[in-house]
């Protein structure tokens, strides 16, 4: 067995395969197409492969998934990019059936007043939905009636691929948002709230929003958004609640409309994890 030698970044170690020299650029291109779990094993081949994968490959694979550039900060741990590659946990809507394309599926109805919840496609009495990627060029929306209509959906962040240690150590920003509107001929009320929950369902942070949609606010789509930051450790789930009713008490579905409900975990900004040696717990994304 040959003795171990110190890594020489100017040498050819890790670039000679089958007695052929493979340029680092070509090696990077090859490793880019390796699946995330196999890429973890590739890190063990040698020092050069480990450095190349951690400092370049993970980020490039993650950028391909989110279809855009990601932060270049040196303090962003490689396992953040790995989480994107393995589970696609960041920068995507974690709420299911956000605009009613599948009726009320995935939502828990809390109140079904008046003539109950309804889904419209396209929306009636308002312009078409805005040109927002969340809608995927579809025109579905929820609509309320003349008495309170409310429902909620809870996102399990662990099930979506974010480990508890990653959430506690990096505390990535969590954004909740939604588009809402009322008809041109009937004012309405819209309400929304979001709660960050612990494992025991305790409320660790919350946000409430309420709007009376009348006069110049009618007949247009409005946008609600809130970003949770520095929420502390223990967050494991996000509860999203919305609802509303019309203000004229007309039979039918003249109440507030809503679409594009979204819970999104953003890429953590450049910051140092409290314990960089705890990679195993950060990689626990199953």
Protein backbone atom coordinates (compact mmCIF):
# COMPACT_ATOMS: atom_id res chain seq x y z
CA UNK A 1 0.00 0.00 0.00
CA UNK A 2 1.41 3.37 -1.00
CA UNK A 3 1.97 5.86 1.85
CA UNK A 4 -0.45 8.76 2.23
CA UNK A 5 0.84 12.06 0.90
CA UNK A 6 -0.37 15.62 1.59
CA UNK A 7 -2.85 17.01 -0.93
CA UNK A 8 -1.25 19.22 -3.56
CA UNK A 9 -3.88 21.44 -5.20
CA UNK A 10 -1.51 22.02 -8.12
CA UNK A 11 -0.95 18.31 -8.66
CA UNK A 12 -2.88 15.73 -10.71
CA UNK A 13 -4.26 13.70 -7.80
CA UNK A 14 -7.91 12.93 -8.53
CA UNK A 15 -7.58 13.89 -12.18
CA UNK A 16 -5.93 10.70 -13.48
CA UNK A 17 -8.43 7.96 -14.35
CA UNK A 18 -7.55 4.92 -16.40
CA UNK A 19 -4.12 6.47 -17.07
CA UNK A 20 -5.87 9.40 -18.70
CA UNK A 21 -5.78 13.01 -17.53
CA UNK A 22 -9.25 14.50 -16.99
CA UNK A 23 -9.29 18.32 -16.71
CA UNK A 24 -11.03 19.66 -13.62
CA UNK A 25 -13.60 21.43 -15.82
CA UNK A 26 -14.57 18.13 -17.47
CA UNK A 27 -14.61 16.32 -14.12
CA UNK A 28 -16.99 19.00 -12.81
CA UNK A 29 -19.28 18.49 -15.80
CA UNK A 30 -19.36 14.73 -15.18
CA UNK A 31 -20.02 15.05 -11.45
CA UNK A 32 -22.82 17.56 -12.09
CA UNK A 33 -24.95 14.71 -13.48
CA UNK A 34 -24.40 12.35 -10.53
CA UNK A 35 -27.44 11.90 -8.28
CA UNK A 36 -27.23 13.53 -4.80
CA UNK A 37 -26.83 10.31 -2.78
CA UNK A 38 -24.08 8.97 -5.03
CA UNK A 39 -22.39 12.36 -4.94
CA UNK A 40 -22.06 12.00 -1.17
CA UNK A 41 -19.99 8.86 -1.79
CA UNK A 42 -17.95 10.64 -4.47
CA UNK A 43 -16.83 13.13 -1.81
CA UNK A 44 -14.87 10.28 -0.21
CA UNK A 45 -12.75 9.50 -3.28
CA UNK A 46 -10.06 12.05 -2.55
CA UNK A 47 -9.41 15.57 -1.25
CA UNK A 48 -9.75 17.16 -4.70
CA UNK A 49 -13.13 15.59 -5.37
CA UNK A 50 -14.35 16.55 -1.91
CA UNK A 51 -13.34 20.20 -2.34
CA UNK A 52 -14.73 20.38 -5.86
CA UNK A 53 -18.08 18.90 -4.88
CA UNK A 54 -18.50 20.99 -1.73
CA UNK A 55 -17.40 24.31 -3.18
CA UNK A 56 -18.87 24.08 -6.67
CA UNK A 57 -20.92 21.04 -7.70
CA UNK A 58 -23.60 21.23 -4.99
CA UNK A 59 -24.31 24.88 -5.72
CA UNK A 60 -24.45 24.38 -9.50
CA UNK A 61 -26.84 21.44 -9.13
CA UNK A 62 -29.01 23.49 -6.77
CA UNK A 63 -29.06 26.44 -9.19
CA UNK A 64 -30.26 24.12 -11.93
CA UNK A 65 -33.12 22.97 -9.70
CA UNK A 66 -34.30 26.46 -8.69
CA UNK A 67 -33.57 27.74 -12.20
CA UNK A 68 -31.60 30.75 -11.02
CA UNK A 69 -28.45 31.95 -9.25
CA UNK A 70 -27.92 31.22 -5.56
CA UNK A 71 -25.82 33.05 -2.95
CA UNK A 72 -22.06 32.71 -3.26
CA UNK A 73 -21.26 33.51 0.36
CA UNK A 74 -18.42 31.40 1.70
CA UNK A 75 -20.25 30.95 4.99
CA UNK A 76 -23.22 29.14 3.42
CA UNK A 77 -22.68 25.45 4.26
CA UNK A 78 -22.63 23.00 1.35
CA UNK A 79 -25.36 20.91 2.98
CA UNK A 80 -27.85 23.75 2.36
CA UNK A 81 -27.34 23.18 -1.36
CA UNK A 82 -27.46 19.42 -0.78
CA UNK A 83 -30.89 19.80 0.84
CA UNK A 84 -32.09 21.59 -2.29
CA UNK A 85 -30.73 18.83 -4.53
CA UNK A 86 -31.98 15.94 -2.43
CA UNK A 87 -35.47 17.10 -1.51
CA UNK A 88 -35.96 20.40 -3.37
CA UNK A 89 -36.96 21.89 -0.02
CA UNK A 90 -36.13 25.54 -0.69
CA UNK A 91 -37.56 28.18 -3.00
CA UNK A 92 -40.77 26.33 -3.85
CA UNK A 93 -44.38 26.49 -2.69
CA UNK A 94 -44.92 23.89 0.03
CA UNK A 95 -48.70 24.36 0.11
CA UNK A 96 -50.69 21.85 -1.91
CA UNK A 97 -53.64 22.83 -4.13
CA UNK A 98 -52.97 26.51 -3.49
CA UNK A 99 -55.69 27.88 -5.79
CA UNK A 100 -58.41 25.21 -5.79
CA UNK A 101 -57.51 23.31 -8.94
CA UNK A 102 -58.44 20.14 -7.01
CA UNK A 103 -61.41 21.54 -5.12
CA UNK A 104 -60.79 21.69 -1.37
CA UNK A 105 -58.36 18.76 -1.35
CA UNK A 106 -55.51 19.12 1.21
CA UNK A 107 -57.41 21.88 3.05
CA UNK A 108 -59.21 21.53 6.38
CA UNK A 109 -62.54 23.37 6.24
CA UNK A 110 -63.12 25.30 9.48
CA UNK A 111 -66.32 27.12 8.50
CA UNK A 112 -68.47 26.77 5.39
CA UNK A 113 -70.97 29.61 5.81
CA UNK A 114 -73.52 30.99 3.37
CA UNK A 115 -73.48 28.96 0.17
CA UNK A 116 -70.15 27.39 1.17
CA UNK A 117 -66.72 27.52 -0.42
CA UNK A 118 -66.55 27.40 -4.20
CA UNK A 119 -63.83 27.28 -6.84
CA UNK A 120 -64.08 29.52 -9.91
CA UNK A 121 -62.19 29.13 -13.19
CA UNK A 122 -61.79 31.78 -14.41
CA UNK A 123 -62.54 34.23 -11.55
CA UNK A 124 -65.92 35.97 -11.92
CA UNK A 125 -66.34 39.73 -11.53
CA UNK A 126 -62.60 40.48 -11.34
CA UNK A 127 -59.71 40.57 -13.84
CA UNK A 128 -57.73 37.45 -14.69
CA UNK A 129 -55.16 36.30 -12.15
CA UNK A 130 -51.82 38.18 -12.26
CA UNK A 131 -48.88 36.90 -14.26
CA UNK A 132 -47.27 35.14 -11.31
CA UNK A 133 -45.36 31.83 -11.75
CA UNK A 134 -47.24 30.38 -8.77
CA UNK A 135 -50.36 30.04 -10.94
CA UNK A 136 -48.61 28.08 -13.70
CA UNK A 137 -50.82 29.95 -16.22
CA UNK A 138 -54.00 28.52 -14.67
CA UNK A 139 -57.02 30.60 -13.59
CA UNK A 140 -58.45 28.81 -10.55
CA UNK A 141 -59.36 30.66 -7.36
CA UNK A 142 -61.28 30.03 -4.16
CA UNK A 143 -64.34 32.22 -3.49
CA UNK A 144 -66.33 32.78 -0.29
CA UNK A 145 -70.02 33.47 0.32
CA UNK A 146 -72.28 35.68 2.50
CA UNK A 147 -71.17 34.14 5.79
CA UNK A 148 -67.75 33.21 7.10
CA UNK A 149 -65.82 30.68 5.02
CA UNK A 150 -62.46 29.68 6.51
CA UNK A 151 -59.98 26.84 6.08
CA UNK A 152 -56.39 25.95 6.85
CA UNK A 153 -53.50 23.75 5.78
CA UNK A 154 -50.44 22.70 7.78
CA UNK A 155 -47.03 22.13 6.21
CA UNK A 156 -44.71 19.63 7.90
CA UNK A 157 -41.25 21.09 7.25
CA UNK A 158 -39.46 17.91 8.29
CA UNK A 159 -41.52 15.82 5.86
CA UNK A 160 -40.66 18.33 3.13
CA UNK A 161 -36.95 17.64 3.58
CA UNK A 162 -35.73 20.25 6.07
CA UNK A 163 -33.93 18.64 9.00
CA UNK A 164 -34.56 19.88 12.51
CA UNK A 165 -30.90 20.84 12.96
CA UNK A 166 -30.86 22.82 9.73
CA UNK A 167 -34.01 24.70 10.80
CA UNK A 168 -32.65 25.43 14.26
CA UNK A 169 -29.12 26.36 13.25
CA UNK A 170 -29.68 28.34 10.04
CA UNK A 171 -33.28 29.50 10.59
CA UNK A 172 -33.96 30.05 6.88
CA UNK A 173 -36.52 32.81 6.19
CA UNK A 174 -40.07 31.48 5.80
CA UNK A 175 -42.38 33.50 3.54
CA UNK A 176 -46.18 33.25 3.49
CA UNK A 177 -48.15 35.02 0.77
CA UNK A 178 -51.39 35.02 -1.23
CA UNK A 179 -53.33 36.99 -3.84
CA UNK A 180 -56.85 38.12 -2.93
CA UNK A 181 -59.66 40.19 -4.48
CA UNK A 182 -63.35 41.14 -4.41
CA UNK A 183 -65.83 41.65 -7.23
CA UNK A 184 -66.41 45.03 -8.84
CA UNK A 185 -70.02 45.12 -7.54
CA UNK A 186 -69.67 43.79 -3.97
CA UNK A 187 -67.18 44.70 -1.22
CA UNK A 188 -65.77 41.85 0.82
CA UNK A 189 -63.58 40.91 3.77
CA UNK A 190 -60.38 38.90 3.51
CA UNK A 191 -58.37 37.47 6.39
CA UNK A 192 -55.24 35.39 6.61
CA UNK A 193 -52.89 34.18 9.31
CA UNK A 194 -49.84 31.98 9.62
CA UNK A 195 -48.31 30.27 12.63
CA UNK A 196 -44.93 28.64 13.13
CA UNK A 197 -45.47 25.52 15.22
CA UNK A 198 -43.22 23.32 17.32
CA UNK A 199 -43.29 19.55 17.48
CA UNK A 200 -45.91 19.74 20.24
CA UNK A 201 -48.01 22.21 18.16
CA UNK A 202 -46.97 25.12 20.38
CA UNK A 203 -47.06 28.49 18.62
CA UNK A 204 -43.53 29.92 18.30
CA UNK A 205 -44.37 32.87 16.05
CA UNK A 206 -47.45 34.15 14.23
CA UNK A 207 -48.75 36.70 11.73
CA UNK A 208 -52.28 38.00 11.18
CA UNK A 209 -53.68 39.98 8.24
CA UNK A 210 -57.18 41.46 7.74
CA UNK A 211 -58.44 43.65 4.92
CA UNK A 212 -61.80 45.20 4.02
CA UNK A 213 -61.85 45.23 0.23
CA UNK A 214 -64.04 48.14 -0.87
CA UNK A 215 -64.16 51.18 -3.20
CA UNK A 216 -60.84 51.56 -5.04
CA UNK A 217 -59.58 48.17 -3.79
CA UNK A 218 -62.34 46.29 -5.60
CA UNK A 219 -61.99 44.65 -8.98
CA UNK A 220 -58.24 44.14 -8.69
CA UNK A 221 -55.92 41.51 -7.33
CA UNK A 222 -54.08 42.49 -4.15
CA UNK A 223 -51.09 40.72 -2.65
CA UNK A 224 -50.41 39.79 0.97
CA UNK A 225 -46.91 38.70 2.04
CA UNK A 226 -45.00 38.24 5.29
CA UNK A 227 -41.50 36.92 6.01
CA UNK A 228 -40.63 35.16 9.26
CA UNK A 229 -37.02 35.70 10.39
CA UNK A 230 -35.03 34.96 13.54
CA UNK A 231 -37.84 32.81 14.86
CA UNK A 232 -35.64 30.74 17.15
CA UNK A 233 -35.26 26.99 17.45
CA UNK A 234 -38.01 24.41 17.55
CA UNK A 235 -40.03 25.30 14.43
CA UNK A 236 -41.23 22.14 12.70
CA UNK A 237 -44.51 23.08 10.96
CA UNK A 238 -46.26 26.06 9.37
CA UNK A 239 -50.02 26.51 9.65
CA UNK A 240 -51.64 28.66 6.93
CA UNK A 241 -55.21 29.97 7.44
CA UNK A 242 -57.39 32.09 5.18
CA UNK A 243 -61.01 33.05 4.70
CA UNK A 244 -63.55 35.80 4.21
CA UNK A 245 -67.10 36.77 3.21
CA UNK A 246 -68.96 39.44 1.29
CA UNK A 247 -70.22 42.66 2.99
CA UNK A 248 -73.62 42.84 1.30
CA UNK A 249 -74.90 39.43 2.44
CA UNK A 250 -75.96 38.48 -1.08
CA UNK A 251 -76.87 34.86 -1.74
CA UNK A 252 -74.35 33.11 -3.92
CA UNK A 253 -70.61 33.69 -4.11
CA UNK A 254 -69.93 37.42 -3.94
CA UNK A 255 -67.36 37.18 -1.17
CA UNK A 256 -63.58 37.57 -1.24
CA UNK A 257 -61.57 35.48 -3.67
CA UNK A 258 -58.09 34.08 -3.02
CA UNK A 259 -55.46 32.23 -5.02
CA UNK A 260 -51.80 31.34 -4.99
CA UNK A 261 -51.54 30.66 -1.27
CA UNK A 262 -47.85 30.05 -0.63
CA UNK A 263 -45.49 28.86 2.09
CA UNK A 264 -41.90 29.13 0.87
CA UNK A 265 -38.61 28.52 2.65
CA UNK A 266 -35.90 30.81 1.28
CA UNK A 267 -32.23 29.97 0.82
CA UNK A 268 -30.47 30.98 4.08
CA UNK A 269 -28.38 34.10 3.75
CA UNK A 270 -24.64 33.89 4.36
CA UNK A 271 -24.17 32.92 7.98
CA UNK A 272 -22.16 30.43 9.94
CA UNK A 273 -23.74 27.35 11.42
CA UNK A 274 -23.16 27.05 15.19
CA UNK A 275 -21.49 23.68 14.75
CA UNK A 276 -20.09 22.82 11.35
CA UNK A 277 -19.09 19.38 12.62
CA UNK A 278 -22.74 18.32 12.96
CA UNK A 279 -23.17 17.44 9.28
CA UNK A 280 -24.87 14.12 9.97
CA UNK A 281 -27.86 15.77 11.66
CA UNK A 282 -28.08 18.41 8.94
CA UNK A 283 -28.15 15.69 6.32
CA UNK A 284 -30.95 13.85 8.11
CA UNK A 285 -33.57 14.94 5.57
CA UNK A 286 -35.68 11.80 5.28
